[in-house]
C-alpha atoms as a PDB file:
ATOM      1  CA  MET A   1      -1.900 131.502  69.594  1.00  0.00           C
ATOM      2  CA  ILE A   2      -3.471 130.080  66.470  1.00  0.00           C
ATOM      3  CA  PRO A   3      -2.817 126.488  67.431  1.00  0.00           C
ATOM      4  CA  GLN A   4      -4.324 127.136  70.834  1.00  0.00           C
ATOM      5  CA  LEU A   5      -7.435 128.518  69.232  1.00  0.00           C
ATOM      6  CA  ILE A   6      -7.849 125.653  66.825  1.00  0.00           C
ATOM      7  CA  ALA A   7      -7.371 123.116  69.575  1.00  0.00           C
ATOM      8  CA  CYS A   8     -10.162 124.803  71.433  1.00  0.00           C
ATOM      9  CA  ILE A   9     -12.489 124.783  68.418  1.00  0.00           C
ATOM     10  CA  LEU A  10     -11.850 121.182  67.654  1.00  0.00           C
ATOM     11  CA  THR A  11     -12.553 119.865  71.170  1.00  0.00           C
ATOM     12  CA  ILE A  12     -16.003 121.358  71.121  1.00  0.00           C
ATOM     13  CA  GLN A  13     -17.086 118.840  68.396  1.00  0.00           C
ATOM     14  CA  ASP A  14     -19.246 116.053  69.800  1.00  0.00           C
ATOM     15  CA  ALA A  15     -18.488 117.213  73.334  1.00  0.00           C
ATOM     16  CA  PRO A  16     -20.888 117.326  76.320  1.00  0.00           C
ATOM     17  CA  ALA A  17     -22.623 120.658  77.157  1.00  0.00           C
ATOM     18  CA  ASP A  18     -20.309 121.470  80.081  1.00  0.00           C
ATOM     19  CA  ARG A  19     -17.292 120.862  78.004  1.00  0.00           C
ATOM     20  CA  VAL A  20     -18.726 122.967  75.072  1.00  0.00           C
ATOM     21  CA  LEU A  21     -19.204 125.835  77.570  1.00  0.00           C
ATOM     22  CA  ALA A  22     -15.698 125.506  78.908  1.00  0.00           C
ATOM     23  CA  ASN A  23     -14.237 125.463  75.385  1.00  0.00           C
ATOM     24  CA  SER A  24     -16.224 128.514  74.474  1.00  0.00           C
ATOM     25  CA  ASP A  25     -14.486 130.219  77.239  1.00  0.00           C
ATOM     26  CA  CYS A  26     -11.194 128.867  75.887  1.00  0.00           C
ATOM     27  CA  ILE A  27     -12.038 130.380  72.392  1.00  0.00           C
ATOM     28  CA  ARG A  28     -13.038 133.682  73.865  1.00  0.00           C
ATOM     29  CA  SER A  29      -9.849 133.995  76.001  1.00  0.00           C
ATOM     30  CA  ASN A  30      -7.673 133.134  73.067  1.00  0.00           C
ATOM     31  CA  MET A  31      -9.400 135.458  70.634  1.00  0.00           C
ATOM     32  CA  ILE A  32      -9.155 138.376  73.204  1.00  0.00           C
ATOM     33  CA  GLU A  33      -5.411 137.675  73.488  1.00  0.00           C
ATOM     34  CA  GLN A  34      -5.069 137.530  69.787  1.00  0.00           C
ATOM     35  CA  ALA A  35      -6.853 140.860  69.306  1.00  0.00           C
ATOM     36  CA  LEU A  36      -4.700 142.531  71.902  1.00  0.00           C
ATOM     37  CA  GLU A  37      -1.537 141.190  70.319  1.00  0.00           C
ATOM     38  CA  GLN A  38      -2.659 142.472  67.009  1.00  0.00           C
ATOM     39  CA  LEU A  39      -3.473 145.798  68.447  1.00  0.00           C
ATOM     40  CA  TYR A  40      -0.126 146.327  70.115  1.00  0.00           C
ATOM     41  CA  VAL A  41       1.856 145.473  66.923  1.00  0.00           C
ATOM     42  CA  GLU A  42      -0.552 147.901  65.041  1.00  0.00           C
ATOM     43  CA  GLU A  43      -2.221 145.141  62.947  1.00  0.00           C
ATOM     44  CA  TYR A  44      -5.337 147.239  63.450  1.00  0.00           C
ATOM     45  CA  ASP A  45      -7.389 145.761  60.540  1.00  0.00           C
ATOM     46  CA  SER A  46      -6.565 142.244  61.617  1.00  0.00           C
ATOM     47  CA  ALA A  47      -7.505 143.111  65.243  1.00  0.00           C
ATOM     48  CA  LEU A  48     -10.917 144.281  64.050  1.00  0.00           C
ATOM     49  CA  VAL A  49     -11.446 141.219  62.046  1.00  0.00           C
ATOM     50  CA  THR A  50     -10.634 139.155  65.163  1.00  0.00           C
ATOM     51  CA  CYS A  51     -13.271 141.294  67.091  1.00  0.00           C
ATOM     52  CA  GLN A  52     -15.911 140.466  64.524  1.00  0.00           C
ATOM     53  CA  ARG A  53     -15.212 136.777  64.824  1.00  0.00           C
ATOM     54  CA  LEU A  54     -15.207 137.103  68.699  1.00  0.00           C
ATOM     55  CA  GLN A  55     -18.669 138.694  68.392  1.00  0.00           C
ATOM     56  CA  HIS A  56     -19.993 135.693  66.598  1.00  0.00           C
ATOM     57  CA  VAL A  57     -18.571 133.340  69.358  1.00  0.00           C
ATOM     58  CA  VAL A  58     -19.996 135.319  72.269  1.00  0.00           C
ATOM     59  CA  PRO A  59     -22.777 137.658  70.687  1.00  0.00           C
ATOM     60  CA  ASP A  60     -24.204 138.902  73.945  1.00  0.00           C
ATOM     61  CA  ASP A  61     -20.823 139.528  75.498  1.00  0.00           C
ATOM     62  CA  PRO A  62     -19.577 143.242  75.499  1.00  0.00           C
ATOM     63  CA  ILE A  63     -15.887 142.332  75.119  1.00  0.00           C
ATOM     64  CA  ALA A  64     -15.875 142.644  71.235  1.00  0.00           C
ATOM     65  CA  SER A  65     -17.196 146.053  71.447  1.00  0.00           C
ATOM     66  CA  LEU A  66     -14.641 147.130  74.222  1.00  0.00           C
ATOM     67  CA  LEU A  67     -11.916 145.695  72.100  1.00  0.00           C
ATOM     68  CA  GLN A  68     -13.008 147.613  68.959  1.00  0.00           C
ATOM     69  CA  LEU A  69     -13.120 150.801  71.154  1.00  0.00           C
ATOM     70  CA  ASN A  70      -9.626 150.165  72.341  1.00  0.00           C
ATOM     71  CA  ILE A  71      -8.456 149.654  68.771  1.00  0.00           C
ATOM     72  CA  TYR A  72      -9.918 152.919  67.357  1.00  0.00           C
ATOM     73  CA  GLN A  73      -8.877 154.952  70.554  1.00  0.00           C
ATOM     74  CA  ALA A  74      -5.322 153.518  70.337  1.00  0.00           C
ATOM     75  CA  GLN A  75      -4.937 154.674  66.763  1.00  0.00           C
ATOM     76  CA  MET A  76      -6.109 158.055  67.565  1.00  0.00           C
ATOM     77  CA  ARG A  77      -3.697 158.509  70.433  1.00  0.00           C
ATOM     78  CA  ALA A  78      -0.796 156.874  68.638  1.00  0.00           C
ATOM     79  CA  TYR A  79      -1.133 159.259  65.486  1.00  0.00           C
ATOM     80  CA  ARG A  80      -2.960 162.190  67.319  1.00  0.00           C
ATOM     81  CA  VAL A  81      -5.853 162.317  64.916  1.00  0.00           C
ATOM     82  CA  ARG A  82      -9.687 162.501  65.610  1.00  0.00           C
ATOM     83  CA  ILE A  83     -10.505 160.365  62.650  1.00  0.00           C
ATOM     84  CA  PHE A  84     -12.594 157.661  64.488  1.00  0.00           C
ATOM     85  CA  GLU A  85     -14.621 159.947  66.907  1.00  0.00           C
ATOM     86  CA  SER A  86     -17.894 159.083  65.283  1.00  0.00           C
ATOM     87  CA  LYS A  87     -17.124 155.408  65.588  1.00  0.00           C
ATOM     88  CA  LEU A  88     -16.346 155.956  69.239  1.00  0.00           C
ATOM     89  CA  ASP A  89     -19.764 157.508  69.880  1.00  0.00           C
ATOM     90  CA  SER A  90     -21.689 154.470  68.524  1.00  0.00           C
ATOM     91  CA  LEU A  91     -19.364 151.901  70.065  1.00  0.00           C
ATOM     92  CA  ILE A  92     -19.487 153.543  73.506  1.00  0.00           C
ATOM     93  CA  THR A  93     -23.190 153.416  73.491  1.00  0.00           C
ATOM     94  CA  GLN A  94     -23.239 149.721  72.232  1.00  0.00           C
ATOM     95  CA  ALA A  95     -20.597 148.590  74.758  1.00  0.00           C
ATOM     96  CA  ILE A  96     -22.513 150.234  77.713  1.00  0.00           C
ATOM     97  CA  GLU A  97     -25.824 148.647  76.669  1.00  0.00           C
ATOM     98  CA  GLN A  98     -24.232 145.195  76.227  1.00  0.00           C
ATOM     99  CA  ALA A  99     -22.353 145.343  79.528  1.00  0.00           C
ATOM    100  CA  ASP A 100     -25.385 146.495  81.494  1.00  0.00           C
ATOM    101  CA  ARG A 101     -27.653 143.919  79.903  1.00  0.00           C
ATOM    102  CA  LYS A 102     -25.108 141.139  80.582  1.00  0.00           C
ATOM    103  CA  ALA A 103     -24.552 142.282  84.136  1.00  0.00           C
ATOM    104  CA  LYS A 104     -28.287 141.675  85.049  1.00  0.00           C
ATOM    105  CA  ASN A 105     -27.332 137.974  85.012  1.00  0.00           C
ATOM    106  CA  THR A 106     -23.582 137.918  85.618  1.00  0.00           C
ATOM    107  CA  GLN A 107     -22.264 140.151  88.388  1.00  0.00           C
ATOM    108  CA  SER A 108     -18.662 138.895  88.096  1.00  0.00           C
ATOM    109  CA  ALA A 109     -15.656 141.226  88.657  1.00  0.00           C
ATOM    110  CA  GLU A 110     -14.890 141.101  84.998  1.00  0.00           C
ATOM    111  CA  MET A 111     -18.423 142.179  84.147  1.00  0.00           C
ATOM    112  CA  LEU A 112     -18.352 144.967  86.544  1.00  0.00           C
ATOM    113  CA  PHE A 113     -15.086 146.092  84.943  1.00  0.00           C
ATOM    114  CA  MET A 114     -16.751 145.847  81.421  1.00  0.00           C
ATOM    115  CA  GLN A 115     -19.437 148.231  82.777  1.00  0.00           C
ATOM    116  CA  GLY A 116     -16.865 150.673  83.897  1.00  0.00           C
ATOM    117  CA  SER A 117     -14.506 150.556  81.002  1.00  0.00           C
ATOM    118  CA  PRO A 118     -16.728 152.154  78.214  1.00  0.00           C
ATOM    119  CA  ARG A 119     -17.697 154.874  80.740  1.00  0.00           C
ATOM    120  CA  SER A 120     -13.987 155.604  81.249  1.00  0.00           C
ATOM    121  CA  ILE A 121     -13.588 156.035  77.508  1.00  0.00           C
ATOM    122  CA  LEU A 122     -16.781 158.129  77.425  1.00  0.00           C
ATOM    123  CA  ALA A 123     -15.366 160.350  80.136  1.00  0.00           C
ATOM    124  CA  LEU A 124     -12.121 160.925  78.109  1.00  0.00           C
ATOM    125  CA  HIS A 125     -13.993 161.371  74.957  1.00  0.00           C
ATOM    126  CA  SER A 126     -16.421 163.940  76.399  1.00  0.00           C
ATOM    127  CA  PHE A 127     -13.591 165.834  78.125  1.00  0.00           C
ATOM    128  CA  ARG A 128     -11.798 166.129  74.706  1.00  0.00           C
ATOM    129  CA  GLN A 129     -15.034 167.459  73.211  1.00  0.00           C
ATOM    130  CA  GLY A 130     -15.505 169.970  75.979  1.00  0.00           C
ATOM    131  CA  GLU A 131     -18.657 168.262  77.396  1.00  0.00           C
ATOM    132  CA  TRP A 132     -17.586 168.553  81.035  1.00  0.00           C
ATOM    133  CA  ALA A 133     -20.848 167.632  82.723  1.00  0.00           C
ATOM    134  CA  LYS A 134     -21.109 164.565  80.617  1.00  0.00           C
ATOM    135  CA  ALA A 135     -17.543 163.589  81.263  1.00  0.00           C
ATOM    136  CA  ILE A 136     -17.802 164.026  85.011  1.00  0.00           C
ATOM    137  CA  THR A 137     -20.996 161.873  85.138  1.00  0.00           C
ATOM    138  CA  ALA A 138     -19.295 159.205  83.100  1.00  0.00           C
ATOM    139  CA  LEU A 139     -16.104 159.279  85.205  1.00  0.00           C
ATOM    140  CA  THR A 140     -18.115 158.984  88.466  1.00  0.00           C
ATOM    141  CA  HIS A 141     -20.093 155.954  87.099  1.00  0.00           C
ATOM    142  CA  SER A 142     -16.859 154.362  85.832  1.00  0.00           C
ATOM    143  CA  LEU A 143     -15.035 154.675  89.139  1.00  0.00           C
ATOM    144  CA  HIS A 144     -18.016 153.201  90.866  1.00  0.00           C
ATOM    145  CA  TYR A 145     -17.995 149.966  88.741  1.00  0.00           C
ATOM    146  CA  MET A 146     -14.104 149.714  88.938  1.00  0.00           C
ATOM    147  CA  LYS A 147     -14.248 149.821  92.846  1.00  0.00           C
ATOM    148  CA  LYS A 148     -17.053 147.230  92.751  1.00  0.00           C
ATOM    149  CA  SER A 149     -15.093 145.112  90.577  1.00  0.00           C
ATOM    150  CA  LEU A 150     -12.053 145.216  92.901  1.00  0.00           C
ATOM    151  CA  MET A 151     -14.214 144.354  95.831  1.00  0.00           C
ATOM    152  CA  LYS A 152     -15.571 141.441  93.921  1.00  0.00           C
ATOM    153  CA  ASP A 153     -12.181 139.932  93.082  1.00  0.00           C
ATOM    154  CA  HIS A 154      -8.962 141.452  94.508  1.00  0.00           C
ATOM    155  CA  SER A 155      -6.839 139.305  92.182  1.00  0.00           C
ATOM    156  CA  PHE A 156      -8.376 141.011  89.157  1.00  0.00           C
ATOM    157  CA  VAL A 157      -6.209 144.144  89.046  1.00  0.00           C
ATOM    158  CA  ASP A 158      -7.228 145.614  85.641  1.00  0.00           C
ATOM    159  CA  PRO A 159      -9.758 148.147  87.133  1.00  0.00           C
ATOM    160  CA  LYS A 160      -6.862 149.882  89.100  1.00  0.00           C
ATOM    161  CA  LEU A 161      -5.752 151.368  85.793  1.00  0.00           C
ATOM    162  CA  SER A 162      -8.721 153.643  85.664  1.00  0.00           C
ATOM    163  CA  LEU A 163      -8.370 154.359  89.380  1.00  0.00           C
ATOM    164  CA  GLY A 164      -4.697 154.989  88.899  1.00  0.00           C
ATOM    165  CA  PHE A 165      -5.472 157.585  86.115  1.00  0.00           C
ATOM    166  CA  TYR A 166      -7.944 159.270  88.402  1.00  0.00           C
ATOM    167  CA  LYS A 167      -5.346 159.652  91.201  1.00  0.00           C
ATOM    168  CA  TYR A 168      -2.882 161.038  88.785  1.00  0.00           C
ATOM    169  CA  TYR A 169      -5.453 163.529  87.568  1.00  0.00           C
ATOM    170  CA  GLN A 170      -5.973 164.632  91.211  1.00  0.00           C
ATOM    171  CA  TYR A 171      -2.176 164.935  91.513  1.00  0.00           C
ATOM    172  CA  LYS A 172      -1.787 167.013  88.430  1.00  0.00           C
ATOM    173  CA  MET A 173      -4.915 169.158  88.511  1.00  0.00           C
ATOM    174  CA  LEU A 174      -6.282 169.623  91.931  1.00  0.00           C
ATOM    175  CA  ASN A 175      -5.094 172.309  94.394  1.00  0.00           C
ATOM    176  CA  LEU A 176      -3.849 169.905  97.164  1.00  0.00           C
ATOM    177  CA  GLY A 177      -1.286 170.480  99.703  1.00  0.00           C
ATOM    178  CA  LEU A 178       2.259 169.212  98.959  1.00  0.00           C
ATOM    179  CA  GLY A 179       1.950 166.204 101.066  1.00  0.00           C
ATOM    180  CA  LEU A 180      -1.434 165.221  99.712  1.00  0.00           C
ATOM    181  CA  ARG A 181      -0.193 165.728  96.101  1.00  0.00           C
ATOM    182  CA  LYS A 182       2.756 163.422  96.698  1.00  0.00           C
ATOM    183  CA  SER A 183       0.509 160.985  98.343  1.00  0.00           C
ATOM    184  CA  ALA A 184      -1.892 160.995  95.290  1.00  0.00           C
ATOM    185  CA  TYR A 185       1.164 160.558  92.850  1.00  0.00           C
ATOM    186  CA  ASN A 186       2.471 157.604  94.932  1.00  0.00           C
ATOM    187  CA  GLU A 187      -0.951 155.938  94.925  1.00  0.00           C
ATOM    188  CA  ALA A 188      -1.458 156.428  91.334  1.00  0.00           C
ATOM    189  CA  THR A 189       1.863 154.904  90.280  1.00  0.00           C
ATOM    190  CA  SER A 190       1.405 152.086  92.725  1.00  0.00           C
ATOM    191  CA  LEU A 191      -2.020 151.188  91.192  1.00  0.00           C
ATOM    192  CA  ILE A 192      -0.834 151.390  87.584  1.00  0.00           C
ATOM    193  CA  LEU A 193       2.402 149.503  88.423  1.00  0.00           C
ATOM    194  CA  GLU A 194       0.232 146.587  89.625  1.00  0.00           C
ATOM    195  CA  VAL A 195      -1.683 146.542  86.478  1.00  0.00           C
ATOM    196  CA  TRP A 196       1.670 146.536  84.519  1.00  0.00           C
ATOM    197  CA  GLU A 197       2.853 143.580  86.520  1.00  0.00           C
ATOM    198  CA  LYS A 198      -0.248 141.496  86.859  1.00  0.00           C
ATOM    199  CA  GLY A 199      -2.936 142.857  84.428  1.00  0.00           C
ATOM    200  CA  ARG A 200      -5.169 140.402  82.693  1.00  0.00           C
ATOM    201  CA  TYR A 201      -5.804 142.629  79.622  1.00  0.00           C
ATOM    202  CA  LEU A 202      -4.252 145.951  80.307  1.00  0.00           C
ATOM    203  CA  SER A 203      -0.627 145.184  81.134  1.00  0.00           C
ATOM    204  CA  THR A 204       0.658 146.947  78.040  1.00  0.00           C
ATOM    205  CA  ASP A 205      -1.821 149.924  78.459  1.00  0.00           C
ATOM    206  CA  ALA A 206      -0.379 150.320  81.912  1.00  0.00           C
ATOM    207  CA  GLY A 207       3.144 150.372  80.452  1.00  0.00           C
ATOM    208  CA  PHE A 208       2.194 153.252  78.164  1.00  0.00           C
ATOM    209  CA  ALA A 209       0.647 155.117  81.047  1.00  0.00           C
ATOM    210  CA  LEU A 210       3.798 154.589  83.242  1.00  0.00           C
ATOM    211  CA  GLN A 211       6.264 155.710  80.709  1.00  0.00           C
ATOM    212  CA  ASN A 212       4.163 158.874  80.169  1.00  0.00           C
ATOM    213  CA  MET A 213       3.850 159.637  83.890  1.00  0.00           C
ATOM    214  CA  TYR A 214       7.508 159.006  84.722  1.00  0.00           C
ATOM    215  CA  LEU A 215       8.561 161.199  81.863  1.00  0.00           C
ATOM    216  CA  HIS A 216       6.331 163.935  82.949  1.00  0.00           C
ATOM    217  CA  GLU A 217       7.877 163.792  86.335  1.00  0.00           C
ATOM    218  CA  SER A 218      11.448 163.672  84.890  1.00  0.00           C
ATOM    219  CA  ASP A 219      12.116 160.282  86.441  1.00  0.00           C
ATOM    220  CA  TYR A 220      14.101 159.199  83.456  1.00  0.00           C
ATOM    221  CA  SER A 221      15.501 155.969  84.832  1.00  0.00           C
ATOM    222  CA  LYS A 222      12.027 154.545  85.566  1.00  0.00           C
ATOM    223  CA  ALA A 223      10.695 155.905  82.329  1.00  0.00           C
ATOM    224  CA  LEU A 224      13.454 154.287  80.459  1.00  0.00           C
ATOM    225  CA  GLU A 225      12.841 150.921  82.173  1.00  0.00           C
ATOM    226  CA  VAL A 226       9.247 150.880  81.038  1.00  0.00           C
ATOM    227  CA  ASN A 227      10.103 152.157  77.573  1.00  0.00           C
ATOM    228  CA  ASP A 228      12.744 149.479  77.080  1.00  0.00           C
ATOM    229  CA  TRP A 229       9.997 146.823  77.924  1.00  0.00           C
ATOM    230  CA  LEU A 230       7.715 148.398  75.518  1.00  0.00           C
ATOM    231  CA  THR A 231      10.347 148.800  72.898  1.00  0.00           C
ATOM    232  CA  GLU A 232      11.251 145.068  73.030  1.00  0.00           C
ATOM    233  CA  ARG A 233       7.634 144.175  72.377  1.00  0.00           C
ATOM    234  CA  THR A 234       6.805 146.670  69.677  1.00  0.00           C
ATOM    235  CA  PRO A 235       9.784 148.918  68.684  1.00  0.00           C
ATOM    236  CA  ASN A 236       8.124 150.957  65.948  1.00  0.00           C
ATOM    237  CA  HIS A 237       4.943 152.064  67.773  1.00  0.00           C
ATOM    238  CA  PRO A 238       4.642 155.864  67.326  1.00  0.00           C
ATOM    239  CA  SER A 239       3.962 156.455  71.001  1.00  0.00           C
ATOM    240  CA  ILE A 240       6.973 154.379  72.095  1.00  0.00           C
ATOM    241  CA  LEU A 241       9.251 156.107  69.599  1.00  0.00           C
ATOM    242  CA  TYR A 242       7.975 159.467  70.794  1.00  0.00           C
ATOM    243  CA  HIS A 243       8.665 158.768  74.480  1.00  0.00           C
ATOM    244  CA  ARG A 244      12.005 157.243  73.618  1.00  0.00           C
ATOM    245  CA  ALA A 245      13.026 160.255  71.536  1.00  0.00           C
ATOM    246  CA  LEU A 246      12.156 162.589  74.461  1.00  0.00           C
ATOM    247  CA  LEU A 247      13.963 160.327  76.954  1.00  0.00           C
ATOM    248  CA  MET A 248      17.104 160.204  74.821  1.00  0.00           C
ATOM    249  CA  GLN A 249      17.042 163.868  74.421  1.00  0.00           C
ATOM    250  CA  SER A 250      16.832 164.455  78.023  1.00  0.00           C
ATOM    251  CA  LEU A 251      19.621 161.975  78.725  1.00  0.00           C
ATOM    252  CA  GLN A 252      21.877 163.858  76.362  1.00  0.00           C
ATOM    253  CA  ARG A 253      21.965 161.107  73.779  1.00  0.00           C
ATOM    254  CA  PRO A 254      21.390 163.271  70.689  1.00  0.00           C
ATOM    255  CA  GLN A 255      22.086 160.654  67.967  1.00  0.00           C
ATOM    256  CA  VAL A 256      19.741 157.973  69.394  1.00  0.00           C
ATOM    257  CA  ALA A 257      17.099 160.684  69.955  1.00  0.00           C
ATOM    258  CA  LEU A 258      17.438 161.876  66.351  1.00  0.00           C
ATOM    259  CA  ASP A 259      17.133 158.356  64.946  1.00  0.00           C
ATOM    260  CA  CYS A 260      13.862 157.965  66.974  1.00  0.00           C
ATOM    261  CA  TRP A 261      12.454 161.265  65.764  1.00  0.00           C
ATOM    262  CA  LEU A 262      13.243 160.412  62.211  1.00  0.00           C
ATOM    263  CA  ALA A 263      11.642 156.902  62.526  1.00  0.00           C
ATOM    264  CA  LEU A 264       8.610 158.525  64.209  1.00  0.00           C
ATOM    265  CA  ILE A 265       8.289 161.023  61.311  1.00  0.00           C
ATOM    266  CA  GLY A 266       8.329 158.039  58.852  1.00  0.00           C
ATOM    267  CA  ARG A 267       5.528 156.259  60.838  1.00  0.00           C
ATOM    268  CA  LEU A 268       3.420 159.441  61.008  1.00  0.00           C
ATOM    269  CA  GLN A 269       3.847 160.061  57.245  1.00  0.00           C
ATOM    270  CA  SER A 270       2.785 156.589  56.308  1.00  0.00           C
ATOM    271  CA  TYR A 271      -0.489 156.679  58.244  1.00  0.00           C
ATOM    272  CA  ARG A 272      -3.842 157.241  56.498  1.00  0.00           C
ATOM    273  CA  MET A 273      -4.064 160.745  57.971  1.00  0.00           C
ATOM    274  CA  GLN A 274      -1.342 163.150  58.911  1.00  0.00           C
ATOM    275  CA  SER A 275      -1.263 165.064  62.227  1.00  0.00           C
ATOM    276  CA  HIS A 276       0.576 168.198  61.075  1.00  0.00           C
ATOM    277  CA  GLY A 277       0.748 169.472  64.647  1.00  0.00           C
ATOM    278  CA  TYR A 278       2.597 166.174  65.597  1.00  0.00           C
ATOM    279  CA  LEU A 279       4.856 166.448  62.607  1.00  0.00           C
ATOM    280  CA  ALA A 280       5.694 169.999  63.511  1.00  0.00           C
ATOM    281  CA  GLU A 281       6.640 169.047  67.014  1.00  0.00           C
ATOM    282  CA  CYS A 282       8.814 166.243  65.620  1.00  0.00           C
ATOM    283  CA  TYR A 283      10.708 168.558  63.208  1.00  0.00           C
ATOM    284  CA  LEU A 284      11.151 171.168  65.880  1.00  0.00           C
ATOM    285  CA  HIS A 285      13.002 168.502  68.071  1.00  0.00           C
ATOM    286  CA  VAL A 286      14.984 167.369  64.914  1.00  0.00           C
ATOM    287  CA  THR A 287      16.107 171.149  64.571  1.00  0.00           C
ATOM    288  CA  GLN A 288      17.068 171.306  68.260  1.00  0.00           C
ATOM    289  CA  ILE A 289      19.131 168.198  68.064  1.00  0.00           C
ATOM    290  CA  TYR A 290      20.987 169.231  65.010  1.00  0.00           C
ATOM    291  CA  GLU A 291      21.662 172.709  66.747  1.00  0.00           C
ATOM    292  CA  SER A 292      22.971 170.889  69.804  1.00  0.00           C
ATOM    293  CA  MET A 293      25.307 168.617  67.720  1.00  0.00           C
ATOM    294  CA  ASN A 294      26.856 171.519  65.773  1.00  0.00           C
ATOM    295  CA  ALA A 295      24.849 174.351  64.267  1.00  0.00           C
ATOM    296  CA  ILE A 296      27.600 175.153  61.749  1.00  0.00           C
ATOM    297  CA  VAL A 297      28.175 171.595  60.511  1.00  0.00           C
ATOM    298  CA  HIS A 298      24.494 170.818  60.397  1.00  0.00           C
ATOM    299  CA  ARG A 299      23.373 174.105  58.872  1.00  0.00           C
ATOM    300  CA  GLN A 300      21.677 172.534  55.965  1.00  0.00           C
ATOM    301  CA  GLU A 301      19.763 169.982  58.060  1.00  0.00           C
ATOM    302  CA  ILE A 302      18.635 172.690  60.414  1.00  0.00           C
ATOM    303  CA  ASN A 303      17.261 174.783  57.582  1.00  0.00           C
ATOM    304  CA  GLN A 304      15.394 171.849  56.132  1.00  0.00           C
ATOM    305  CA  ALA A 305      13.904 170.729  59.479  1.00  0.00           C
ATOM    306  CA  ILE A 306      12.831 174.101  60.611  1.00  0.00           C
ATOM    307  CA  ALA A 307      11.170 174.837  57.232  1.00  0.00           C
ATOM    308  CA  LEU A 308       9.206 171.575  57.547  1.00  0.00           C
ATOM    309  CA  ALA A 309       8.332 172.395  61.115  1.00  0.00           C
ATOM    310  CA  ARG A 310       6.946 175.789  60.028  1.00  0.00           C
ATOM    311  CA  GLN A 311       5.050 174.173  57.144  1.00  0.00           C
ATOM    312  CA  HIS A 312       3.368 171.589  59.201  1.00  0.00           C
ATOM    313  CA  SER A 313       2.519 174.057  62.019  1.00  0.00           C
ATOM    314  CA  ALA A 314       0.719 176.238  59.484  1.00  0.00           C
ATOM    315  CA  LEU A 315      -1.378 173.206  58.296  1.00  0.00           C
ATOM    316  CA  ARG A 316      -2.250 172.069  61.863  1.00  0.00           C
ATOM    317  CA  ASN A 317      -6.104 171.665  62.136  1.00  0.00           C
ATOM    318  CA  PRO A 318      -7.225 171.424  65.883  1.00  0.00           C
ATOM    319  CA  GLU A 319     -10.715 169.919  64.794  1.00  0.00           C
ATOM    320  CA  LEU A 320      -9.032 166.890  63.191  1.00  0.00           C
ATOM    321  CA  GLU A 321      -5.885 166.569  65.474  1.00  0.00           C
ATOM    322  CA  LEU A 322      -5.127 165.794  69.046  1.00  0.00           C
ATOM    323  CA  GLU A 323      -2.576 167.823  71.072  1.00  0.00           C
ATOM    324  CA  SER A 324       0.739 166.718  72.571  1.00  0.00           C
ATOM    325  CA  SER A 325       0.706 165.956  76.335  1.00  0.00           C
ATOM    326  CA  PHE A 326       4.089 167.519  76.649  1.00  0.00           C
ATOM    327  CA  GLN A 327       3.919 170.697  74.545  1.00  0.00           C
ATOM    328  CA  LYS A 328       1.094 172.966  73.813  1.00  0.00           C
ATOM    329  CA  PRO A 329       0.564 173.869  70.121  1.00  0.00           C
ATOM    330  CA  ASP A 330       1.142 177.602  70.911  1.00  0.00           C
ATOM    331  CA  ASP A 331       4.509 176.823  72.775  1.00  0.00           C
ATOM    332  CA  ILE A 332       5.634 174.658  69.702  1.00  0.00           C
ATOM    333  CA  ASP A 333       4.682 177.571  67.344  1.00  0.00           C
ATOM    334  CA  LYS A 334       6.839 179.916  69.491  1.00  0.00           C
ATOM    335  CA  GLU A 335       9.785 177.712  69.521  1.00  0.00           C
ATOM    336  CA  ILE A 336       9.515 177.270  65.706  1.00  0.00           C
ATOM    337  CA  GLN A 337       9.203 181.006  65.160  1.00  0.00           C
ATOM    338  CA  LYS A 338      12.262 181.633  67.419  1.00  0.00           C
ATOM    339  CA  LEU A 339      14.396 179.274  65.423  1.00  0.00           C
ATOM    340  CA  CYS A 340      13.172 180.706  62.134  1.00  0.00           C
ATOM    341  CA  LYS A 341      14.315 184.139  63.204  1.00  0.00           C
ATOM    342  CA  LYS A 342      17.600 182.804  64.278  1.00  0.00           C
ATOM    343  CA  TYR A 343      18.391 180.741  61.095  1.00  0.00           C
ATOM    344  CA  CYS A 344      16.062 181.815  58.285  1.00  0.00           C
ATOM    345  CA  SER A 345      16.891 185.593  58.734  1.00  0.00           C
ATOM    346  CA  ALA A 346      20.654 184.709  58.971  1.00  0.00           C
ATOM    347  CA  ASP A 347      20.527 183.116  55.463  1.00  0.00           C
ATOM    348  CA  GLN A 348      18.922 186.189  53.952  1.00  0.00           C
END
């Protein structure tokens, strides 16, 4: 990546105007790829520096703001914290203004996609804050731009990720008939699969989405296929460890699941801000695994894990933390209390 970037920069010197323009595109493309690589291996600060440099190369291009949005949002999702919500507010506004301004002169498929992308993030951000009207408006506008982008260039498939998310939302939330629900699910997975296989920027994001969808639907073989692909690329990513732990637990591979949960706990504890609700969920699963292995042999480990689960559950702050997509905090608390009564009272 770095040699390619240097080569692009060097060829600009003393070059004709058309070649300078071409090599500016080369630098832009390589810096985007570099920032995405840094993002997915969790080199977040380096990725932000790359975005700043990219902004200097293409100051009127919304891509740097969009990448920064993705970097901050990815951290929030991976560690389930709301730490960067104020940054999201300003970056969303900035990215929308830049994209709309640029689109007045450049109506390309990619620019339409860039008009839709910050609005997709705005929709999710607004839903999370309970601003439903704002969220629905942003979602409607985002889908409009994504569809226009696809019409402009069918080979640029990245807009299908947002459309796939929307179809999956229909499948999960709307009161459709059984046949229509299945149709919505099939369409959602088809759209996101295409981005996973052919995406220009969002292939890895599509992989994260697919493993989550397949696991929610208990399609463990497909979920494991995607998770293996993600694990090979970035094995210590919290979201990948989380899904792998749940998968291995569901596939009755307790030792592998336990290793994943413990590795995930280490990652969460090393981050700048801890999500106590997330840690409570992790320790709950650790307790359940030790219990499934042999409750008598692992009695000490069970007591330690359930005590930590109860401790973190009590410290959970919903104003600072994001929730699990698989277990609600109240359900986690109930399971913890149930195990506490079973084991803590027995030791008294």
